[in-house]
Amino acid sequence: MSNDFDFDLSTDQWEALKALRNPVSNGRLAKAYLVESLAKLGLVVMNDGVPAITSTGRKVLVRGSCRLLDLVA
C-alpha cells in the first residue's frame, strides 16, 4: 500500500474537500481559508475563482485518512 495520499487534514478541511465533490452552486465556499489550505496541498485548484477538486484531492477523499477512522471510534 502506498502512502502517497496520506494527508493530516483537519475535520474542517475534510468537510471542505467533501463539499467540493459536487459543483458549488454559488461558486463559493463559506470558509475561503480552508480552500486556500487545500490548494497549498495540491488537493484543490481555482478555476476562474471557483474551487475545483484535483485528481489527487479525489484520491485522498476516496482513500480517507486514519484520522477519519479515529473520529468514528
PDB file of N, CA and C in Angstrom:
ATOM      1  N   MET A   1       0.845  -1.178   0.000  1.00  0.00           N
ATOM      2  CA  MET A   1       0.000   0.000   0.000  1.00  0.00           C
ATOM      3  C   MET A   1       0.889   1.239   0.000  1.00  0.00           C
ATOM      4  N   SER A   2       0.542   2.195  -0.800  1.00  0.00           N
ATOM      5  CA  SER A   2       1.343   3.409  -0.937  1.00  0.00           C
ATOM      6  C   SER A   2       0.838   4.484   0.015  1.00  0.00           C
ATOM      7  N   ASN A   3       1.742   5.273   0.531  1.00  0.00           N
ATOM      8  CA  ASN A   3       1.381   6.387   1.407  1.00  0.00           C
ATOM      9  C   ASN A   3       1.345   7.703   0.648  1.00  0.00           C
ATOM     10  N   ASP A   4       1.249   7.639  -0.666  1.00  0.00           N
ATOM     11  CA  ASP A   4       1.289   8.847  -1.483  1.00  0.00           C
ATOM     12  C   ASP A   4       0.173   9.825  -1.160  1.00  0.00           C
ATOM     13  N   PHE A   5      -0.941   9.339  -0.642  1.00  0.00           N
ATOM     14  CA  PHE A   5      -2.088  10.194  -0.446  1.00  0.00           C
ATOM     15  C   PHE A   5      -2.473  10.356   1.015  1.00  0.00           C
ATOM     16  N   ASP A   6      -1.518  10.150   1.925  1.00  0.00           N
ATOM     17  CA  ASP A   6      -1.783  10.353   3.344  1.00  0.00           C
ATOM     18  C   ASP A   6      -1.576  11.823   3.695  1.00  0.00           C
ATOM     19  N   PHE A   7      -2.639  12.476   4.076  1.00  0.00           N
ATOM     20  CA  PHE A   7      -2.592  13.877   4.476  1.00  0.00           C
ATOM     21  C   PHE A   7      -3.204  13.992   5.859  1.00  0.00           C
ATOM     22  N   ASP A   8      -2.643  14.837   6.681  1.00  0.00           N
ATOM     23  CA  ASP A   8      -3.154  15.075   8.025  1.00  0.00           C
ATOM     24  C   ASP A   8      -4.060  16.299   7.972  1.00  0.00           C
ATOM     25  N   LEU A   9      -5.283  16.100   7.486  1.00  0.00           N
ATOM     26  CA  LEU A   9      -6.225  17.202   7.319  1.00  0.00           C
ATOM     27  C   LEU A   9      -7.079  17.356   8.562  1.00  0.00           C
ATOM     28  N   SER A  10      -7.449  18.599   8.844  1.00  0.00           N
ATOM     29  CA  SER A  10      -8.363  18.853   9.958  1.00  0.00           C
ATOM     30  C   SER A  10      -9.768  18.415   9.543  1.00  0.00           C
ATOM     31  N   THR A  11     -10.641  18.309  10.513  1.00  0.00           N
ATOM     32  CA  THR A  11     -12.031  17.936  10.228  1.00  0.00           C
ATOM     33  C   THR A  11     -12.661  18.938   9.271  1.00  0.00           C
ATOM     34  N   ASP A  12     -12.394  20.233   9.485  1.00  0.00           N
ATOM     35  CA  ASP A  12     -12.941  21.265   8.598  1.00  0.00           C
ATOM     36  C   ASP A  12     -12.413  21.123   7.180  1.00  0.00           C
ATOM     37  N   GLN A  13     -11.125  20.772   7.040  1.00  0.00           N
ATOM     38  CA  GLN A  13     -10.555  20.577   5.708  1.00  0.00           C
ATOM     39  C   GLN A  13     -11.205  19.385   5.017  1.00  0.00           C
ATOM     40  N   TRP A  14     -11.443  18.299   5.756  1.00  0.00           N
ATOM     41  CA  TRP A  14     -12.129  17.144   5.164  1.00  0.00           C
ATOM     42  C   TRP A  14     -13.520  17.536   4.692  1.00  0.00           C
ATOM     43  N   GLU A  15     -14.239  18.294   5.508  1.00  0.00           N
ATOM     44  CA  GLU A  15     -15.592  18.714   5.138  1.00  0.00           C
ATOM     45  C   GLU A  15     -15.565  19.589   3.883  1.00  0.00           C
ATOM     46  N   ALA A  16     -14.595  20.504   3.803  1.00  0.00           N
ATOM     47  CA  ALA A  16     -14.479  21.365   2.625  1.00  0.00           C
ATOM     48  C   ALA A  16     -14.143  20.537   1.390  1.00  0.00           C
ATOM     49  N   LEU A  17     -13.241  19.563   1.536  1.00  0.00           N
ATOM     50  CA  LEU A  17     -12.876  18.709   0.413  1.00  0.00           C
ATOM     51  C   LEU A  17     -14.072  17.882  -0.038  1.00  0.00           C
ATOM     52  N   LYS A  18     -14.851  17.361   0.903  1.00  0.00           N
ATOM     53  CA  LYS A  18     -16.050  16.603   0.545  1.00  0.00           C
ATOM     54  C   LYS A  18     -17.062  17.495  -0.161  1.00  0.00           C
ATOM     55  N   ALA A  19     -17.176  18.740   0.280  1.00  0.00           N
ATOM     56  CA  ALA A  19     -18.135  19.663  -0.327  1.00  0.00           C
ATOM     57  C   ALA A  19     -17.785  19.966  -1.782  1.00  0.00           C
ATOM     58  N   LEU A  20     -16.506  19.853  -2.124  1.00  0.00           N
ATOM     59  CA  LEU A  20     -16.077  20.154  -3.484  1.00  0.00           C
ATOM     60  C   LEU A  20     -16.305  18.990  -4.448  1.00  0.00           C
ATOM     61  N   ARG A  21     -16.791  17.863  -3.964  1.00  0.00           N
ATOM     62  CA  ARG A  21     -17.095  16.744  -4.849  1.00  0.00           C
ATOM     63  C   ARG A  21     -18.136  17.147  -5.873  1.00  0.00           C
ATOM     64  N   ASN A  22     -19.081  17.937  -5.457  1.00  0.00           N
ATOM     65  CA  ASN A  22     -20.149  18.416  -6.335  1.00  0.00           C
ATOM     66  C   ASN A  22     -19.914  19.889  -6.620  1.00  0.00           C
ATOM     67  N   PRO A  23     -20.346  20.360  -7.779  1.00  0.00           N
ATOM     68  CA  PRO A  23     -20.160  21.785  -8.088  1.00  0.00           C
ATOM     69  C   PRO A  23     -20.806  22.674  -7.023  1.00  0.00           C
ATOM     70  N   VAL A  24     -20.134  23.747  -6.708  1.00  0.00           N
ATOM     71  CA  VAL A  24     -20.641  24.692  -5.726  1.00  0.00           C
ATOM     72  C   VAL A  24     -21.674  25.575  -6.414  1.00  0.00           C
ATOM     73  N   SER A  25     -22.877  25.604  -5.866  1.00  0.00           N
ATOM     74  CA  SER A  25     -23.978  26.294  -6.535  1.00  0.00           C
ATOM     75  C   SER A  25     -23.732  27.785  -6.721  1.00  0.00           C
ATOM     76  N   ASN A  26     -23.202  28.446  -5.710  1.00  0.00           N
ATOM     77  CA  ASN A  26     -22.983  29.882  -5.847  1.00  0.00           C
ATOM     78  C   ASN A  26     -21.526  30.216  -6.166  1.00  0.00           C
ATOM     79  N   GLY A  27     -20.715  29.174  -6.389  1.00  0.00           N
ATOM     80  CA  GLY A  27     -19.325  29.390  -6.767  1.00  0.00           C
ATOM     81  C   GLY A  27     -18.398  29.707  -5.616  1.00  0.00           C
ATOM     82  N   ARG A  28     -18.896  29.628  -4.374  1.00  0.00           N
ATOM     83  CA  ARG A  28     -18.058  29.973  -3.227  1.00  0.00           C
ATOM     84  C   ARG A  28     -18.330  29.009  -2.088  1.00  0.00           C
ATOM     85  N   LEU A  29     -17.328  28.813  -1.293  1.00  0.00           N
ATOM     86  CA  LEU A  29     -17.482  28.092  -0.045  1.00  0.00           C
ATOM     87  C   LEU A  29     -17.476  29.108   1.080  1.00  0.00           C
ATOM     88  N   ALA A  30     -18.057  28.750   2.211  1.00  0.00           N
ATOM     89  CA  ALA A  30     -18.162  29.690   3.319  1.00  0.00           C
ATOM     90  C   ALA A  30     -16.795  30.055   3.893  1.00  0.00           C
ATOM     91  N   LYS A  31     -15.851  29.134   3.887  1.00  0.00           N
ATOM     92  CA  LYS A  31     -14.561  29.379   4.521  1.00  0.00           C
ATOM     93  C   LYS A  31     -13.442  29.327   3.485  1.00  0.00           C
ATOM     94  N   ALA A  32     -13.112  30.469   2.955  1.00  0.00           N
ATOM     95  CA  ALA A  32     -12.102  30.555   1.894  1.00  0.00           C
ATOM     96  C   ALA A  32     -10.737  30.093   2.377  1.00  0.00           C
ATOM     97  N   TYR A  33     -10.429  30.294   3.656  1.00  0.00           N
ATOM     98  CA  TYR A  33      -9.111  29.879   4.157  1.00  0.00           C
ATOM     99  C   TYR A  33      -8.939  28.368   4.086  1.00  0.00           C
ATOM    100  N   LEU A  34     -10.030  27.608   4.180  1.00  0.00           N
ATOM    101  CA  LEU A  34      -9.936  26.151   4.043  1.00  0.00           C
ATOM    102  C   LEU A  34      -9.589  25.773   2.610  1.00  0.00           C
ATOM    103  N   VAL A  35     -10.203  26.448   1.653  1.00  0.00           N
ATOM    104  CA  VAL A  35      -9.912  26.183   0.251  1.00  0.00           C
ATOM    105  C   VAL A  35      -8.460  26.526  -0.046  1.00  0.00           C
ATOM    106  N   GLU A  36      -7.987  27.641   0.505  1.00  0.00           N
ATOM    107  CA  GLU A  36      -6.589  28.045   0.301  1.00  0.00           C
ATOM    108  C   GLU A  36      -5.626  27.001   0.871  1.00  0.00           C
ATOM    109  N   SER A  37      -5.944  26.464   2.052  1.00  0.00           N
ATOM    110  CA  SER A  37      -5.064  25.456   2.646  1.00  0.00           C
ATOM    111  C   SER A  37      -5.064  24.176   1.830  1.00  0.00           C
ATOM    112  N   LEU A  38      -6.210  23.808   1.273  1.00  0.00           N
ATOM    113  CA  LEU A  38      -6.284  22.615   0.418  1.00  0.00           C
ATOM    114  C   LEU A  38      -5.565  22.846  -0.901  1.00  0.00           C
ATOM    115  N   ALA A  39      -5.606  24.077  -1.401  1.00  0.00           N
ATOM    116  CA  ALA A  39      -4.893  24.406  -2.637  1.00  0.00           C
ATOM    117  C   ALA A  39      -3.384  24.309  -2.436  1.00  0.00           C
ATOM    118  N   LYS A  40      -2.905  24.734  -1.278  1.00  0.00           N
ATOM    119  CA  LYS A  40      -1.477  24.641  -0.978  1.00  0.00           C
ATOM    120  C   LYS A  40      -1.003  23.194  -0.949  1.00  0.00           C
ATOM    121  N   LEU A  41      -1.902  22.283  -0.589  1.00  0.00           N
ATOM    122  CA  LEU A  41      -1.573  20.856  -0.560  1.00  0.00           C
ATOM    123  C   LEU A  41      -1.751  20.189  -1.930  1.00  0.00           C
ATOM    124  N   GLY A  42      -2.275  20.949  -2.903  1.00  0.00           N
ATOM    125  CA  GLY A  42      -2.484  20.402  -4.237  1.00  0.00           C
ATOM    126  C   GLY A  42      -3.757  19.585  -4.371  1.00  0.00           C
ATOM    127  N   LEU A  43      -4.667  19.747  -3.424  1.00  0.00           N
ATOM    128  CA  LEU A  43      -5.911  18.985  -3.449  1.00  0.00           C
ATOM    129  C   LEU A  43      -7.046  19.734  -4.138  1.00  0.00           C
ATOM    130  N   VAL A  44      -6.866  21.046  -4.276  1.00  0.00           N
ATOM    131  CA  VAL A  44      -7.876  21.913  -4.885  1.00  0.00           C
ATOM    132  C   VAL A  44      -7.167  22.913  -5.784  1.00  0.00           C
ATOM    133  N   VAL A  45      -7.806  23.267  -6.892  1.00  0.00           N
ATOM    134  CA  VAL A  45      -7.311  24.339  -7.759  1.00  0.00           C
ATOM    135  C   VAL A  45      -8.433  25.357  -7.932  1.00  0.00           C
ATOM    136  N   MET A  46      -8.038  26.566  -8.283  1.00  0.00           N
ATOM    137  CA  MET A  46      -9.024  27.605  -8.550  1.00  0.00           C
ATOM    138  C   MET A  46      -9.154  27.774 -10.059  1.00  0.00           C
ATOM    139  N   ASN A  47     -10.369  27.653 -10.573  1.00  0.00           N
ATOM    140  CA  ASN A  47     -10.661  27.856 -11.988  1.00  0.00           C
ATOM    141  C   ASN A  47     -11.614  29.037 -12.111  1.00  0.00           C
ATOM    142  N   ASP A  48     -11.096  30.149 -12.592  1.00  0.00           N
ATOM    143  CA  ASP A  48     -11.888  31.379 -12.713  1.00  0.00           C
ATOM    144  C   ASP A  48     -12.539  31.751 -11.382  1.00  0.00           C
ATOM    145  N   GLY A  49     -11.780  31.611 -10.297  1.00  0.00           N
ATOM    146  CA  GLY A  49     -12.274  31.984  -8.983  1.00  0.00           C
ATOM    147  C   GLY A  49     -13.159  30.948  -8.316  1.00  0.00           C
ATOM    148  N   VAL A  50     -13.375  29.806  -8.972  1.00  0.00           N
ATOM    149  CA  VAL A  50     -14.219  28.757  -8.416  1.00  0.00           C
ATOM    150  C   VAL A  50     -13.332  27.574  -8.039  1.00  0.00           C
ATOM    151  N   PRO A  51     -13.415  27.098  -6.793  1.00  0.00           N
ATOM    152  CA  PRO A  51     -12.582  25.967  -6.383  1.00  0.00           C
ATOM    153  C   PRO A  51     -13.045  24.664  -7.032  1.00  0.00           C
ATOM    154  N   ALA A  52     -12.071  23.850  -7.426  1.00  0.00           N
ATOM    155  CA  ALA A  52     -12.367  22.539  -8.009  1.00  0.00           C
ATOM    156  C   ALA A  52     -11.393  21.526  -7.429  1.00  0.00           C
ATOM    157  N   ILE A  53     -11.897  20.361  -7.106  1.00  0.00           N
ATOM    158  CA  ILE A  53     -11.068  19.319  -6.535  1.00  0.00           C
ATOM    159  C   ILE A  53     -10.168  18.728  -7.628  1.00  0.00           C
ATOM    160  N   THR A  54      -8.913  18.449  -7.284  1.00  0.00           N
ATOM    161  CA  THR A  54      -7.971  17.873  -8.237  1.00  0.00           C
ATOM    162  C   THR A  54      -8.081  16.351  -8.203  1.00  0.00           C
ATOM    163  N   SER A  55      -7.403  15.690  -9.143  1.00  0.00           N
ATOM    164  CA  SER A  55      -7.417  14.228  -9.135  1.00  0.00           C
ATOM    165  C   SER A  55      -6.760  13.700  -7.862  1.00  0.00           C
ATOM    166  N   THR A  56      -5.724  14.377  -7.391  1.00  0.00           N
ATOM    167  CA  THR A  56      -5.095  13.992  -6.128  1.00  0.00           C
ATOM    168  C   THR A  56      -6.083  14.177  -4.977  1.00  0.00           C
ATOM    169  N   GLY A  57      -6.823  15.258  -5.004  1.00  0.00           N
ATOM    170  CA  GLY A  57      -7.831  15.507  -3.973  1.00  0.00           C
ATOM    171  C   GLY A  57      -8.888  14.415  -3.951  1.00  0.00           C
ATOM    172  N   ARG A  58      -9.305  13.957  -5.127  1.00  0.00           N
ATOM    173  CA  ARG A  58     -10.291  12.865  -5.202  1.00  0.00           C
ATOM    174  C   ARG A  58      -9.719  11.574  -4.622  1.00  0.00           C
ATOM    175  N   LYS A  59      -8.458  11.298  -4.940  1.00  0.00           N
ATOM    176  CA  LYS A  59      -7.825  10.084  -4.421  1.00  0.00           C
ATOM    177  C   LYS A  59      -7.721  10.139  -2.907  1.00  0.00           C
ATOM    178  N   VAL A  60      -7.368  11.307  -2.379  1.00  0.00           N
ATOM    179  CA  VAL A  60      -7.274  11.475  -0.927  1.00  0.00           C
ATOM    180  C   VAL A  60      -8.641  11.277  -0.294  1.00  0.00           C
ATOM    181  N   LEU A  61      -9.657  11.845  -0.913  1.00  0.00           N
ATOM    182  CA  LEU A  61     -11.010  11.749  -0.377  1.00  0.00           C
ATOM    183  C   LEU A  61     -11.505  10.307  -0.389  1.00  0.00           C
ATOM    184  N   VAL A  62     -11.248   9.595  -1.476  1.00  0.00           N
ATOM    185  CA  VAL A  62     -11.692   8.206  -1.582  1.00  0.00           C
ATOM    186  C   VAL A  62     -10.951   7.329  -0.586  1.00  0.00           C
ATOM    187  N   ARG A  63      -9.669   7.547  -0.505  1.00  0.00           N
ATOM    188  CA  ARG A  63      -8.850   6.719   0.387  1.00  0.00           C
ATOM    189  C   ARG A  63      -9.123   7.021   1.855  1.00  0.00           C
ATOM    190  N   GLY A  64      -9.424   8.269   2.150  1.00  0.00           N
ATOM    191  CA  GLY A  64      -9.694   8.640   3.533  1.00  0.00           C
ATOM    192  C   GLY A  64      -8.410   8.824   4.309  1.00  0.00           C
ATOM    193  N   SER A  65      -8.548   8.832   5.600  1.00  0.00           N
ATOM    194  CA  SER A  65      -7.416   9.073   6.468  1.00  0.00           C
ATOM    195  C   SER A  65      -7.602   8.315   7.768  1.00  0.00           C
ATOM    196  N   CYS A  66      -6.507   7.969   8.401  1.00  0.00           N
ATOM    197  CA  CYS A  66      -6.565   7.322   9.711  1.00  0.00           C
ATOM    198  C   CYS A  66      -7.284   8.220  10.704  1.00  0.00           C
ATOM    199  N   ARG A  67      -7.141   9.529  10.533  1.00  0.00           N
ATOM    200  CA  ARG A  67      -7.840  10.455  11.445  1.00  0.00           C
ATOM    201  C   ARG A  67      -9.339  10.305  11.349  1.00  0.00           C
ATOM    202  N   LEU A  68      -9.858  10.045  10.142  1.00  0.00           N
ATOM    203  CA  LEU A  68     -11.298   9.877   9.987  1.00  0.00           C
ATOM    204  C   LEU A  68     -11.770   8.649  10.753  1.00  0.00           C
ATOM    205  N   LEU A  69     -10.987   7.576  10.725  1.00  0.00           N
ATOM    206  CA  LEU A  69     -11.346   6.374  11.469  1.00  0.00           C
ATOM    207  C   LEU A  69     -11.330   6.654  12.965  1.00  0.00           C
ATOM    208  N   ASP A  70     -10.399   7.478  13.421  1.00  0.00           N
ATOM    209  CA  ASP A  70     -10.330   7.846  14.836  1.00  0.00           C
ATOM    210  C   ASP A  70     -11.564   8.640  15.266  1.00  0.00           C
ATOM    211  N   LEU A  71     -12.096   9.450  14.363  1.00  0.00           N
ATOM    212  CA  LEU A  71     -13.272  10.257  14.690  1.00  0.00           C
ATOM    213  C   LEU A  71     -14.506   9.387  14.857  1.00  0.00           C
ATOM    214  N   VAL A  72     -14.584   8.290  14.127  1.00  0.00           N
ATOM    215  CA  VAL A  72     -15.741   7.396  14.188  1.00  0.00           C
ATOM    216  C   VAL A  72     -15.718   6.577  15.471  1.00  0.00           C
ATOM    217  N   ALA A  73     -14.547   6.173  15.885  1.00  0.00           N
ATOM    218  CA  ALA A  73     -14.419   5.281  17.061  1.00  0.00           C
ATOM    219  C   ALA A  73     -14.763   5.970  18.348  1.00  0.00           C
TER     220      ALA A  73
END
